[in-house]
């Protein structure tokens, strides 16, 4: 169903987001790179494989436990390039600033971007600034784009996933979504949960050194682990099975979800990634991840099957199973 107007749910990373891309963007901007629907586009220039990615950030509130919109913007683009097997090198940043925004807050955000870039080993080399009238934006929006070089010999893509591949996640899910929600006044809920926002490029480098056969990687941002895996199952036209008992979730995150009636499977992450690799390579991949600060809690959560294609199946903790679908709406808007 095509809507006459854009809804908030079209930005949630679920079914409506996918429909918007498939029905509006892809037909009008059709090309082979865009049709792959990866985290970035990989292409050759003069015999060198490059990767480019872009993302916009509208998180509310701008400051949250474990980070802010500035560090988040750097981490997000660094991670998107990394998920394509690329080594991120240079970023651009664009600011849309609402009239009246506090200069001290802007400086704090820019400073955190510089620190995040330095920690990730990248440079912010170009940018743009626009100021709009009071009420025309909600404080501050940021766009970051990045470019990197791809040296990994194998093609990392949804299309590379094969039956028998194992599914690995690098740690507890839902921390970012829970941290952001804890700071929203209307929720009235205080917690010690800190966002997992982090640059994953050094972790990815260790993973790729450990195995020449990594098939696919994705960071589980908007829509969380559930939406990303359901989307991948559909794109790969394969069945993915995951075990609920093996999916790591912090008790504090579970508590927030129970109070608000949310499923941590669909909460946003900004420092969690999913790896698909052959079973024979899984021990080496897990060992490399667990030796890294951002992967010390890495666990195996599932497997790719031939099965009924395009489905994500969860084995529940009570011994049954259920199909996990893409969420129709957006659990929590303005999360990243």
C-alpha atoms as a PDB file:
ATOM      1  CA  UNK A   1       0.000   0.000   0.000  1.00  0.00           C
ATOM      2  CA  UNK A   2       1.384   3.380  -1.040  1.00  0.00           C
ATOM      3  CA  UNK A   3       0.565   6.329   1.243  1.00  0.00           C
ATOM      4  CA  UNK A   4      -0.365   9.804   0.001  1.00  0.00           C
ATOM      5  CA  UNK A   5       1.785  11.375   2.711  1.00  0.00           C
ATOM      6  CA  UNK A   6       4.881  10.357   4.651  1.00  0.00           C
ATOM      7  CA  UNK A   7       4.231   9.051   8.151  1.00  0.00           C
ATOM      8  CA  UNK A   8       6.597   9.078  11.115  1.00  0.00           C
ATOM      9  CA  UNK A   9       6.634   5.281  10.875  1.00  0.00           C
ATOM     10  CA  UNK A  10       8.277   5.496   7.449  1.00  0.00           C
ATOM     11  CA  UNK A  11      11.513   6.370   9.256  1.00  0.00           C
ATOM     12  CA  UNK A  12      11.469   3.508  11.745  1.00  0.00           C
ATOM     13  CA  UNK A  13      13.599   0.960   9.921  1.00  0.00           C
ATOM     14  CA  UNK A  14      10.719  -1.501   9.621  1.00  0.00           C
ATOM     15  CA  UNK A  15       8.218  -2.567   6.981  1.00  0.00           C
ATOM     16  CA  UNK A  16       7.074   0.954   6.059  1.00  0.00           C
ATOM     17  CA  UNK A  17      10.680   2.129   5.709  1.00  0.00           C
ATOM     18  CA  UNK A  18      11.404  -0.765   3.375  1.00  0.00           C
ATOM     19  CA  UNK A  19       8.268  -0.048   1.366  1.00  0.00           C
ATOM     20  CA  UNK A  20       9.182   3.633   1.034  1.00  0.00           C
ATOM     21  CA  UNK A  21      12.595   2.723  -0.336  1.00  0.00           C
ATOM     22  CA  UNK A  22      11.253   0.034  -2.669  1.00  0.00           C
ATOM     23  CA  UNK A  23       8.270   2.022  -3.997  1.00  0.00           C
ATOM     24  CA  UNK A  24       9.689   5.560  -4.144  1.00  0.00           C
ATOM     25  CA  UNK A  25      13.463   5.802  -4.013  1.00  0.00           C
ATOM     26  CA  UNK A  26      14.589   2.739  -5.964  1.00  0.00           C
ATOM     27  CA  UNK A  27      12.333   3.281  -9.025  1.00  0.00           C
ATOM     28  CA  UNK A  28      13.328   6.943  -9.301  1.00  0.00           C
ATOM     29  CA  UNK A  29      17.053   6.537  -8.565  1.00  0.00           C
ATOM     30  CA  UNK A  30      17.585   3.142 -10.111  1.00  0.00           C
ATOM     31  CA  UNK A  31      21.162   1.861 -10.379  1.00  0.00           C
ATOM     32  CA  UNK A  32      23.025  -1.334  -9.573  1.00  0.00           C
ATOM     33  CA  UNK A  33      24.746   0.076  -6.481  1.00  0.00           C
ATOM     34  CA  UNK A  34      21.566   1.332  -4.821  1.00  0.00           C
ATOM     35  CA  UNK A  35      19.648  -1.846  -5.596  1.00  0.00           C
ATOM     36  CA  UNK A  36      22.016  -3.860  -3.412  1.00  0.00           C
ATOM     37  CA  UNK A  37      20.567  -2.153  -0.298  1.00  0.00           C
ATOM     38  CA  UNK A  38      23.775  -2.514   1.693  1.00  0.00           C
ATOM     39  CA  UNK A  39      25.088  -0.161   4.402  1.00  0.00           C
ATOM     40  CA  UNK A  40      27.217   1.532   1.760  1.00  0.00           C
ATOM     41  CA  UNK A  41      28.170   1.356  -1.905  1.00  0.00           C
ATOM     42  CA  UNK A  42      31.390  -0.392  -2.938  1.00  0.00           C
ATOM     43  CA  UNK A  43      32.895   0.608  -6.282  1.00  0.00           C
ATOM     44  CA  UNK A  44      36.199   0.640  -8.184  1.00  0.00           C
ATOM     45  CA  UNK A  45      38.160   3.773  -9.090  1.00  0.00           C
ATOM     46  CA  UNK A  46      41.429   3.283 -10.921  1.00  0.00           C
ATOM     47  CA  UNK A  47      41.790  -0.262  -9.657  1.00  0.00           C
ATOM     48  CA  UNK A  48      41.114   0.685  -6.023  1.00  0.00           C
ATOM     49  CA  UNK A  49      37.950  -0.548  -4.293  1.00  0.00           C
ATOM     50  CA  UNK A  50      36.267   2.242  -2.358  1.00  0.00           C
ATOM     51  CA  UNK A  51      33.205   2.403  -0.140  1.00  0.00           C
ATOM     52  CA  UNK A  52      30.914   5.369   0.514  1.00  0.00           C
ATOM     53  CA  UNK A  53      28.091   5.731   3.018  1.00  0.00           C
ATOM     54  CA  UNK A  54      25.888   8.491   4.425  1.00  0.00           C
ATOM     55  CA  UNK A  55      23.462   8.884   7.318  1.00  0.00           C
ATOM     56  CA  UNK A  56      21.469  11.617   9.059  1.00  0.00           C
ATOM     57  CA  UNK A  57      20.921  11.950  12.806  1.00  0.00           C
ATOM     58  CA  UNK A  58      17.876  13.441  14.505  1.00  0.00           C
ATOM     59  CA  UNK A  59      18.157  11.840  17.955  1.00  0.00           C
ATOM     60  CA  UNK A  60      16.111  13.284  20.814  1.00  0.00           C
ATOM     61  CA  UNK A  61      17.491  14.180  23.319  1.00  0.00           C
ATOM     62  CA  UNK A  62      20.742  15.429  21.810  1.00  0.00           C
ATOM     63  CA  UNK A  63      22.703  14.357  24.898  1.00  0.00           C
ATOM     64  CA  UNK A  64      22.190  10.898  26.403  1.00  0.00           C
ATOM     65  CA  UNK A  65      24.132   8.552  28.724  1.00  0.00           C
ATOM     66  CA  UNK A  66      27.199   7.392  26.830  1.00  0.00           C
ATOM     67  CA  UNK A  67      27.233  10.006  24.080  1.00  0.00           C
ATOM     68  CA  UNK A  68      25.480  12.714  22.107  1.00  0.00           C
ATOM     69  CA  UNK A  69      24.339  13.402  18.565  1.00  0.00           C
ATOM     70  CA  UNK A  70      27.894  14.338  17.526  1.00  0.00           C
ATOM     71  CA  UNK A  71      29.709  11.192  18.622  1.00  0.00           C
ATOM     72  CA  UNK A  72      26.746   9.150  17.396  1.00  0.00           C
ATOM     73  CA  UNK A  73      27.023  10.671  13.906  1.00  0.00           C
ATOM     74  CA  UNK A  74      30.706   9.801  13.639  1.00  0.00           C
ATOM     75  CA  UNK A  75      30.268   6.271  14.978  1.00  0.00           C
ATOM     76  CA  UNK A  76      27.296   5.581  12.720  1.00  0.00           C
ATOM     77  CA  UNK A  77      29.077   6.382   9.474  1.00  0.00           C
ATOM     78  CA  UNK A  78      32.342   4.733  10.542  1.00  0.00           C
ATOM     79  CA  UNK A  79      30.351   1.583  11.292  1.00  0.00           C
ATOM     80  CA  UNK A  80      28.406   1.615   8.031  1.00  0.00           C
ATOM     81  CA  UNK A  81      31.631   1.702   6.028  1.00  0.00           C
ATOM     82  CA  UNK A  82      33.092  -1.024   8.224  1.00  0.00           C
ATOM     83  CA  UNK A  83      30.080  -3.304   7.656  1.00  0.00           C
ATOM     84  CA  UNK A  84      30.949  -3.302   3.942  1.00  0.00           C
ATOM     85  CA  UNK A  85      34.445  -4.531   4.771  1.00  0.00           C
ATOM     86  CA  UNK A  86      35.908  -1.070   4.280  1.00  0.00           C
ATOM     87  CA  UNK A  87      38.524   0.802   6.265  1.00  0.00           C
ATOM     88  CA  UNK A  88      36.977   4.242   6.939  1.00  0.00           C
ATOM     89  CA  UNK A  89      39.280   7.154   6.165  1.00  0.00           C
ATOM     90  CA  UNK A  90      37.500  10.487   5.732  1.00  0.00           C
ATOM     91  CA  UNK A  91      34.141  11.941   6.807  1.00  0.00           C
ATOM     92  CA  UNK A  92      32.058  14.948   5.870  1.00  0.00           C
ATOM     93  CA  UNK A  93      29.556  16.560   8.214  1.00  0.00           C
ATOM     94  CA  UNK A  94      26.516  18.732   7.571  1.00  0.00           C
ATOM     95  CA  UNK A  95      24.705  20.710  10.287  1.00  0.00           C
ATOM     96  CA  UNK A  96      21.144  22.039  10.229  1.00  0.00           C
ATOM     97  CA  UNK A  97      20.921  24.329  13.259  1.00  0.00           C
ATOM     98  CA  UNK A  98      17.760  25.933  14.589  1.00  0.00           C
ATOM     99  CA  UNK A  99      17.911  29.635  15.343  1.00  0.00           C
ATOM    100  CA  UNK A 100      18.516  30.155  19.062  1.00  0.00           C
ATOM    101  CA  UNK A 101      20.449  26.926  19.597  1.00  0.00           C
ATOM    102  CA  UNK A 102      22.967  27.374  22.468  1.00  0.00           C
ATOM    103  CA  UNK A 103      26.498  27.937  21.187  1.00  0.00           C
ATOM    104  CA  UNK A 104      27.943  26.112  24.202  1.00  0.00           C
ATOM    105  CA  UNK A 105      25.964  22.986  23.288  1.00  0.00           C
ATOM    106  CA  UNK A 106      27.114  23.213  19.672  1.00  0.00           C
ATOM    107  CA  UNK A 107      30.747  23.471  20.771  1.00  0.00           C
ATOM    108  CA  UNK A 108      30.306  20.492  23.087  1.00  0.00           C
ATOM    109  CA  UNK A 109      28.852  18.429  20.242  1.00  0.00           C
ATOM    110  CA  UNK A 110      31.553  19.421  17.744  1.00  0.00           C
ATOM    111  CA  UNK A 111      34.249  18.673  20.314  1.00  0.00           C
ATOM    112  CA  UNK A 112      32.810  15.196  20.848  1.00  0.00           C
ATOM    113  CA  UNK A 113      32.782  14.646  17.076  1.00  0.00           C
ATOM    114  CA  UNK A 114      36.473  15.496  16.916  1.00  0.00           C
ATOM    115  CA  UNK A 115      37.249  13.131  19.776  1.00  0.00           C
ATOM    116  CA  UNK A 116      35.165  10.340  18.255  1.00  0.00           C
ATOM    117  CA  UNK A 117      36.873  10.790  14.881  1.00  0.00           C
ATOM    118  CA  UNK A 118      40.320  10.697  16.487  1.00  0.00           C
ATOM    119  CA  UNK A 119      39.442   7.540  18.435  1.00  0.00           C
ATOM    120  CA  UNK A 120      38.218   5.878  15.238  1.00  0.00           C
ATOM    121  CA  UNK A 121      41.296   6.928  13.268  1.00  0.00           C
ATOM    122  CA  UNK A 122      39.385   9.026  10.731  1.00  0.00           C
ATOM    123  CA  UNK A 123      39.337  12.711   9.831  1.00  0.00           C
ATOM    124  CA  UNK A 124      36.419  15.080   9.248  1.00  0.00           C
ATOM    125  CA  UNK A 125      37.682  16.882   6.156  1.00  0.00           C
ATOM    126  CA  UNK A 126      34.715  18.860   4.803  1.00  0.00           C
ATOM    127  CA  UNK A 127      31.271  20.020   5.852  1.00  0.00           C
ATOM    128  CA  UNK A 128      28.382  22.444   5.593  1.00  0.00           C
ATOM    129  CA  UNK A 129      26.304  24.536   7.988  1.00  0.00           C
ATOM    130  CA  UNK A 130      22.744  25.806   7.580  1.00  0.00           C
ATOM    131  CA  UNK A 131      20.768  27.829  10.125  1.00  0.00           C
ATOM    132  CA  UNK A 132      16.969  27.738   9.882  1.00  0.00           C
ATOM    133  CA  UNK A 133      14.330  29.880  11.567  1.00  0.00           C
ATOM    134  CA  UNK A 134      13.028  29.124  15.029  1.00  0.00           C
ATOM    135  CA  UNK A 135      10.549  26.262  14.775  1.00  0.00           C
ATOM    136  CA  UNK A 136      11.824  25.048  11.392  1.00  0.00           C
ATOM    137  CA  UNK A 137      13.973  22.347  13.023  1.00  0.00           C
ATOM    138  CA  UNK A 138      14.214  20.693  16.412  1.00  0.00           C
ATOM    139  CA  UNK A 139      17.479  22.067  17.739  1.00  0.00           C
ATOM    140  CA  UNK A 140      20.090  20.326  15.632  1.00  0.00           C
ATOM    141  CA  UNK A 141      20.232  17.728  12.856  1.00  0.00           C
ATOM    142  CA  UNK A 142      23.528  16.274  11.590  1.00  0.00           C
ATOM    143  CA  UNK A 143      24.426  14.387   8.421  1.00  0.00           C
ATOM    144  CA  UNK A 144      27.716  12.521   8.072  1.00  0.00           C
ATOM    145  CA  UNK A 145      29.087  10.842   4.975  1.00  0.00           C
ATOM    146  CA  UNK A 146      32.245   8.802   4.764  1.00  0.00           C
ATOM    147  CA  UNK A 147      34.597   7.145   2.363  1.00  0.00           C
ATOM    148  CA  UNK A 148      36.918   4.224   2.904  1.00  0.00           C
ATOM    149  CA  UNK A 149      39.056   1.684   1.100  1.00  0.00           C
ATOM    150  CA  UNK A 150      38.070  -1.986   0.759  1.00  0.00           C
ATOM    151  CA  UNK A 151      40.956  -4.465   0.806  1.00  0.00           C
ATOM    152  CA  UNK A 152      39.153  -7.645   1.917  1.00  0.00           C
ATOM    153  CA  UNK A 153      39.313 -10.160  -0.961  1.00  0.00           C
ATOM    154  CA  UNK A 154      35.824 -11.632  -0.499  1.00  0.00           C
ATOM    155  CA  UNK A 155      32.589  -9.783  -1.221  1.00  0.00           C
ATOM    156  CA  UNK A 156      30.806  -8.922   2.016  1.00  0.00           C
ATOM    157  CA  UNK A 157      27.127  -8.727   1.160  1.00  0.00           C
ATOM    158  CA  UNK A 158      23.708 -10.174   1.895  1.00  0.00           C
ATOM    159  CA  UNK A 159      24.106 -11.975  -1.424  1.00  0.00           C
ATOM    160  CA  UNK A 160      27.129 -13.831  -0.061  1.00  0.00           C
ATOM    161  CA  UNK A 161      25.180 -15.509   2.778  1.00  0.00           C
ATOM    162  CA  UNK A 162      24.862 -19.278   2.387  1.00  0.00           C
ATOM    163  CA  UNK A 163      22.863 -22.044   4.132  1.00  0.00           C
ATOM    164  CA  UNK A 164      24.878 -23.313   7.076  1.00  0.00           C
ATOM    165  CA  UNK A 165      26.303 -19.910   7.955  1.00  0.00           C
ATOM    166  CA  UNK A 166      26.281 -19.097  11.661  1.00  0.00           C
ATOM    167  CA  UNK A 167      25.009 -15.810  13.085  1.00  0.00           C
ATOM    168  CA  UNK A 168      27.104 -14.012  15.709  1.00  0.00           C
ATOM    169  CA  UNK A 169      26.378 -10.805  17.659  1.00  0.00           C
ATOM    170  CA  UNK A 170      29.109  -8.918  19.526  1.00  0.00           C
ATOM    171  CA  UNK A 171      27.238  -8.296  22.797  1.00  0.00           C
ATOM    172  CA  UNK A 172      24.039  -7.286  24.647  1.00  0.00           C
ATOM    173  CA  UNK A 173      21.368  -5.630  22.535  1.00  0.00           C
ATOM    174  CA  UNK A 174      19.107  -2.645  23.175  1.00  0.00           C
ATOM    175  CA  UNK A 175      21.478  -0.499  25.255  1.00  0.00           C
ATOM    176  CA  UNK A 176      21.283   2.569  22.999  1.00  0.00           C
ATOM    177  CA  UNK A 177      17.505   2.569  22.762  1.00  0.00           C
ATOM    178  CA  UNK A 178      17.154   2.118  26.517  1.00  0.00           C
ATOM    179  CA  UNK A 179      19.685   4.881  27.270  1.00  0.00           C
ATOM    180  CA  UNK A 180      17.930   7.377  24.997  1.00  0.00           C
ATOM    181  CA  UNK A 181      14.492   6.520  26.375  1.00  0.00           C
ATOM    182  CA  UNK A 182      15.732   6.923  29.931  1.00  0.00           C
ATOM    183  CA  UNK A 183      16.487  10.593  29.230  1.00  0.00           C
ATOM    184  CA  UNK A 184      13.137  11.487  27.706  1.00  0.00           C
ATOM    185  CA  UNK A 185      11.138  13.429  30.258  1.00  0.00           C
ATOM    186  CA  UNK A 186       7.814  11.911  29.343  1.00  0.00           C
ATOM    187  CA  UNK A 187       9.066   8.430  30.238  1.00  0.00           C
ATOM    188  CA  UNK A 188       9.923   9.389  33.817  1.00  0.00           C
ATOM    189  CA  UNK A 189      12.240   6.420  34.182  1.00  0.00           C
ATOM    190  CA  UNK A 190      15.815   6.588  35.475  1.00  0.00           C
ATOM    191  CA  UNK A 191      18.342   3.851  34.729  1.00  0.00           C
ATOM    192  CA  UNK A 192      22.080   3.224  34.720  1.00  0.00           C
ATOM    193  CA  UNK A 193      22.024   1.919  31.132  1.00  0.00           C
ATOM    194  CA  UNK A 194      24.606   3.642  28.914  1.00  0.00           C
ATOM    195  CA  UNK A 195      24.433   3.791  25.126  1.00  0.00           C
ATOM    196  CA  UNK A 196      26.642   1.288  23.331  1.00  0.00           C
ATOM    197  CA  UNK A 197      27.569   3.918  20.699  1.00  0.00           C
ATOM    198  CA  UNK A 198      31.103   3.052  19.555  1.00  0.00           C
ATOM    199  CA  UNK A 199      33.309   2.853  16.450  1.00  0.00           C
ATOM    200  CA  UNK A 200      33.484  -0.776  15.345  1.00  0.00           C
ATOM    201  CA  UNK A 201      36.134  -0.436  12.646  1.00  0.00           C
ATOM    202  CA  UNK A 202      38.982  -1.873  14.738  1.00  0.00           C
ATOM    203  CA  UNK A 203      36.770  -4.806  15.784  1.00  0.00           C
ATOM    204  CA  UNK A 204      35.866  -5.435  12.148  1.00  0.00           C
ATOM    205  CA  UNK A 205      39.547  -5.331  11.169  1.00  0.00           C
ATOM    206  CA  UNK A 206      40.278  -8.082  13.713  1.00  0.00           C
ATOM    207  CA  UNK A 207      37.329 -10.164  12.453  1.00  0.00           C
ATOM    208  CA  UNK A 208      38.481  -9.920   8.853  1.00  0.00           C
ATOM    209  CA  UNK A 209      42.027 -10.897   9.829  1.00  0.00           C
ATOM    210  CA  UNK A 210      40.652 -13.965  11.611  1.00  0.00           C
ATOM    211  CA  UNK A 211      38.650 -15.282   8.659  1.00  0.00           C
ATOM    212  CA  UNK A 212      38.888 -14.966   4.882  1.00  0.00           C
ATOM    213  CA  UNK A 213      35.303 -16.190   4.582  1.00  0.00           C
ATOM    214  CA  UNK A 214      33.130 -13.613   6.338  1.00  0.00           C
ATOM    215  CA  UNK A 215      29.998 -13.418   4.204  1.00  0.00           C
ATOM    216  CA  UNK A 216      28.019 -10.519   5.639  1.00  0.00           C
ATOM    217  CA  UNK A 217      28.109  -7.943   8.446  1.00  0.00           C
ATOM    218  CA  UNK A 218      25.467  -5.467   9.584  1.00  0.00           C
ATOM    219  CA  UNK A 219      25.195  -3.055  12.502  1.00  0.00           C
ATOM    220  CA  UNK A 220      21.835  -3.419  14.221  1.00  0.00           C
ATOM    221  CA  UNK A 221      20.755   0.228  14.452  1.00  0.00           C
ATOM    222  CA  UNK A 222      17.195   1.379  13.633  1.00  0.00           C
ATOM    223  CA  UNK A 223      14.724  -1.429  14.217  1.00  0.00           C
ATOM    224  CA  UNK A 224      17.238  -3.358  16.304  1.00  0.00           C
ATOM    225  CA  UNK A 225      18.447  -6.920  15.907  1.00  0.00           C
ATOM    226  CA  UNK A 226      15.008  -8.252  14.967  1.00  0.00           C
ATOM    227  CA  UNK A 227      14.350  -5.839  12.112  1.00  0.00           C
ATOM    228  CA  UNK A 228      17.850  -6.194  10.653  1.00  0.00           C
ATOM    229  CA  UNK A 229      17.749 -10.008  10.685  1.00  0.00           C
ATOM    230  CA  UNK A 230      14.229 -10.113   9.235  1.00  0.00           C
ATOM    231  CA  UNK A 231      15.334  -7.729   6.495  1.00  0.00           C
ATOM    232  CA  UNK A 232      18.420  -9.821   5.737  1.00  0.00           C
ATOM    233  CA  UNK A 233      16.380 -13.036   5.597  1.00  0.00           C
ATOM    234  CA  UNK A 234      14.130 -11.428   2.990  1.00  0.00           C
ATOM    235  CA  UNK A 235      16.988  -9.992   0.928  1.00  0.00           C
ATOM    236  CA  UNK A 236      18.980 -13.237   1.016  1.00  0.00           C
ATOM    237  CA  UNK A 237      15.858 -15.329   0.317  1.00  0.00           C
ATOM    238  CA  UNK A 238      16.892 -17.758   3.049  1.00  0.00           C
ATOM    239  CA  UNK A 239      15.572 -18.788   6.450  1.00  0.00           C
ATOM    240  CA  UNK A 240      17.429 -17.563   9.541  1.00  0.00           C
ATOM    241  CA  UNK A 241      16.797 -19.273  12.868  1.00  0.00           C
ATOM    242  CA  UNK A 242      17.813 -17.658  16.158  1.00  0.00           C
ATOM    243  CA  UNK A 243      17.535 -18.858  19.756  1.00  0.00           C
ATOM    244  CA  UNK A 244      15.876 -16.485  22.218  1.00  0.00           C
ATOM    245  CA  UNK A 245      17.873 -17.965  25.121  1.00  0.00           C
ATOM    246  CA  UNK A 246      21.153 -17.075  23.428  1.00  0.00           C
ATOM    247  CA  UNK A 247      20.376 -13.415  22.660  1.00  0.00           C
ATOM    248  CA  UNK A 248      22.137 -11.274  25.301  1.00  0.00           C
ATOM    249  CA  UNK A 249      20.071  -8.511  26.947  1.00  0.00           C
ATOM    250  CA  UNK A 250      21.053  -6.631  30.104  1.00  0.00           C
ATOM    251  CA  UNK A 251      18.647  -6.911  33.031  1.00  0.00           C
ATOM    252  CA  UNK A 252      18.257  -3.115  33.127  1.00  0.00           C
ATOM    253  CA  UNK A 253      17.170  -3.120  29.478  1.00  0.00           C
ATOM    254  CA  UNK A 254      14.732  -5.949  30.129  1.00  0.00           C
ATOM    255  CA  UNK A 255      13.257  -3.917  32.991  1.00  0.00           C
ATOM    256  CA  UNK A 256      12.653  -0.851  30.803  1.00  0.00           C
ATOM    257  CA  UNK A 257      11.091  -3.008  28.107  1.00  0.00           C
ATOM    258  CA  UNK A 258       8.764  -4.697  30.584  1.00  0.00           C
ATOM    259  CA  UNK A 259       7.557  -1.360  31.951  1.00  0.00           C
ATOM    260  CA  UNK A 260       6.999   0.164  28.502  1.00  0.00           C
ATOM    261  CA  UNK A 261       5.710  -2.962  26.767  1.00  0.00           C
ATOM    262  CA  UNK A 262       8.621  -3.066  24.301  1.00  0.00           C
ATOM    263  CA  UNK A 263      10.636  -5.932  22.852  1.00  0.00           C
ATOM    264  CA  UNK A 264      14.433  -5.536  23.210  1.00  0.00           C
ATOM    265  CA  UNK A 265      14.755  -7.417  19.931  1.00  0.00           C
ATOM    266  CA  UNK A 266      13.594  -4.224  18.190  1.00  0.00           C
ATOM    267  CA  UNK A 267      15.444  -1.623  20.265  1.00  0.00           C
ATOM    268  CA  UNK A 268      18.114   0.424  18.477  1.00  0.00           C
ATOM    269  CA  UNK A 269      21.819  -0.274  18.936  1.00  0.00           C
ATOM    270  CA  UNK A 270      24.789   1.872  17.928  1.00  0.00           C
ATOM    271  CA  UNK A 271      27.653  -0.450  18.796  1.00  0.00           C
ATOM    272  CA  UNK A 272      26.305  -3.897  18.001  1.00  0.00           C
ATOM    273  CA  UNK A 273      26.957  -5.847  14.834  1.00  0.00           C
ATOM    274  CA  UNK A 274      25.878  -9.133  13.301  1.00  0.00           C
ATOM    275  CA  UNK A 275      28.367 -11.410  11.528  1.00  0.00           C
ATOM    276  CA  UNK A 276      27.511 -14.217   9.100  1.00  0.00           C
ATOM    277  CA  UNK A 277      30.291 -16.741   8.463  1.00  0.00           C
ATOM    278  CA  UNK A 278      30.696 -20.462   7.703  1.00  0.00           C
ATOM    279  CA  UNK A 279      30.507 -22.777  10.705  1.00  0.00           C
ATOM    280  CA  UNK A 280      34.155 -23.774  10.246  1.00  0.00           C
ATOM    281  CA  UNK A 281      35.253 -20.144  10.658  1.00  0.00           C
ATOM    282  CA  UNK A 282      33.007 -19.318  13.620  1.00  0.00           C
ATOM    283  CA  UNK A 283      35.492 -20.320  16.391  1.00  0.00           C
ATOM    284  CA  UNK A 284      38.187 -18.033  14.953  1.00  0.00           C
ATOM    285  CA  UNK A 285      35.722 -15.177  14.466  1.00  0.00           C
ATOM    286  CA  UNK A 286      34.363 -15.541  18.003  1.00  0.00           C
ATOM    287  CA  UNK A 287      37.874 -15.654  19.464  1.00  0.00           C
ATOM    288  CA  UNK A 288      38.865 -12.484  17.599  1.00  0.00           C
ATOM    289  CA  UNK A 289      35.726 -10.690  18.728  1.00  0.00           C
ATOM    290  CA  UNK A 290      36.061 -11.733  22.373  1.00  0.00           C
ATOM    291  CA  UNK A 291      39.655 -10.469  22.430  1.00  0.00           C
ATOM    292  CA  UNK A 292      38.455  -6.963  21.495  1.00  0.00           C
ATOM    293  CA  UNK A 293      36.869  -4.493  23.971  1.00  0.00           C
ATOM    294  CA  UNK A 294      33.781  -4.091  21.757  1.00  0.00           C
ATOM    295  CA  UNK A 295      33.322  -7.836  21.286  1.00  0.00           C
ATOM    296  CA  UNK A 296      34.201  -9.416  24.621  1.00  0.00           C
ATOM    297  CA  UNK A 297      30.568 -10.585  25.055  1.00  0.00           C
ATOM    298  CA  UNK A 298      30.185 -11.962  21.524  1.00  0.00           C
ATOM    299  CA  UNK A 299      27.905 -14.986  21.232  1.00  0.00           C
ATOM    300  CA  UNK A 300      26.499 -17.322  18.615  1.00  0.00           C
ATOM    301  CA  UNK A 301      22.741 -16.739  18.287  1.00  0.00           C
ATOM    302  CA  UNK A 302      21.597 -18.553  15.158  1.00  0.00           C
ATOM    303  CA  UNK A 303      22.058 -20.280  11.836  1.00  0.00           C
ATOM    304  CA  UNK A 304      21.060 -19.816   8.209  1.00  0.00           C
ATOM    305  CA  UNK A 305      18.891 -22.575   6.733  1.00  0.00           C
ATOM    306  CA  UNK A 306      17.359 -23.319   3.355  1.00  0.00           C
ATOM    307  CA  UNK A 307      13.930 -23.784   4.978  1.00  0.00           C
ATOM    308  CA  UNK A 308      11.053 -21.572   3.930  1.00  0.00           C
ATOM    309  CA  UNK A 309      12.874 -18.731   2.282  1.00  0.00           C
ATOM    310  CA  UNK A 310      12.734 -15.169   3.501  1.00  0.00           C
ATOM    311  CA  UNK A 311      11.781 -15.952   7.102  1.00  0.00           C
ATOM    312  CA  UNK A 312      13.298 -15.172  10.495  1.00  0.00           C
ATOM    313  CA  UNK A 313      12.348 -17.852  13.032  1.00  0.00           C
ATOM    314  CA  UNK A 314      12.973 -17.551  16.757  1.00  0.00           C
ATOM    315  CA  UNK A 315      13.172 -20.612  19.008  1.00  0.00           C
ATOM    316  CA  UNK A 316      11.501 -19.334  22.187  1.00  0.00           C
ATOM    317  CA  UNK A 317      12.643 -19.962  25.738  1.00  0.00           C
ATOM    318  CA  UNK A 318       9.476 -22.014  26.407  1.00  0.00           C
ATOM    319  CA  UNK A 319      10.333 -24.529  23.703  1.00  0.00           C
ATOM    320  CA  UNK A 320       8.216 -23.256  20.807  1.00  0.00           C
ATOM    321  CA  UNK A 321       9.018 -21.135  17.792  1.00  0.00           C
ATOM    322  CA  UNK A 322       7.601 -18.031  16.147  1.00  0.00           C
ATOM    323  CA  UNK A 323       8.193 -16.054  13.012  1.00  0.00           C
ATOM    324  CA  UNK A 324       9.691 -12.608  13.576  1.00  0.00           C
ATOM    325  CA  UNK A 325       8.378 -10.035  11.135  1.00  0.00           C
ATOM    326  CA  UNK A 326       9.578  -6.557  10.291  1.00  0.00           C
ATOM    327  CA  UNK A 327       7.861  -4.069  12.638  1.00  0.00           C
ATOM    328  CA  UNK A 328       5.164  -2.081  10.859  1.00  0.00           C
ATOM    329  CA  UNK A 329       5.688   1.155  12.771  1.00  0.00           C
ATOM    330  CA  UNK A 330       8.416   2.717  14.871  1.00  0.00           C
ATOM    331  CA  UNK A 331       8.770   1.586  18.474  1.00  0.00           C
ATOM    332  CA  UNK A 332      10.548   4.747  19.588  1.00  0.00           C
ATOM    333  CA  UNK A 333      10.933   7.710  17.187  1.00  0.00           C
ATOM    334  CA  UNK A 334      14.022   9.949  17.025  1.00  0.00           C
ATOM    335  CA  UNK A 335      16.311   7.254  18.441  1.00  0.00           C
ATOM    336  CA  UNK A 336      19.278   7.917  16.152  1.00  0.00           C
END
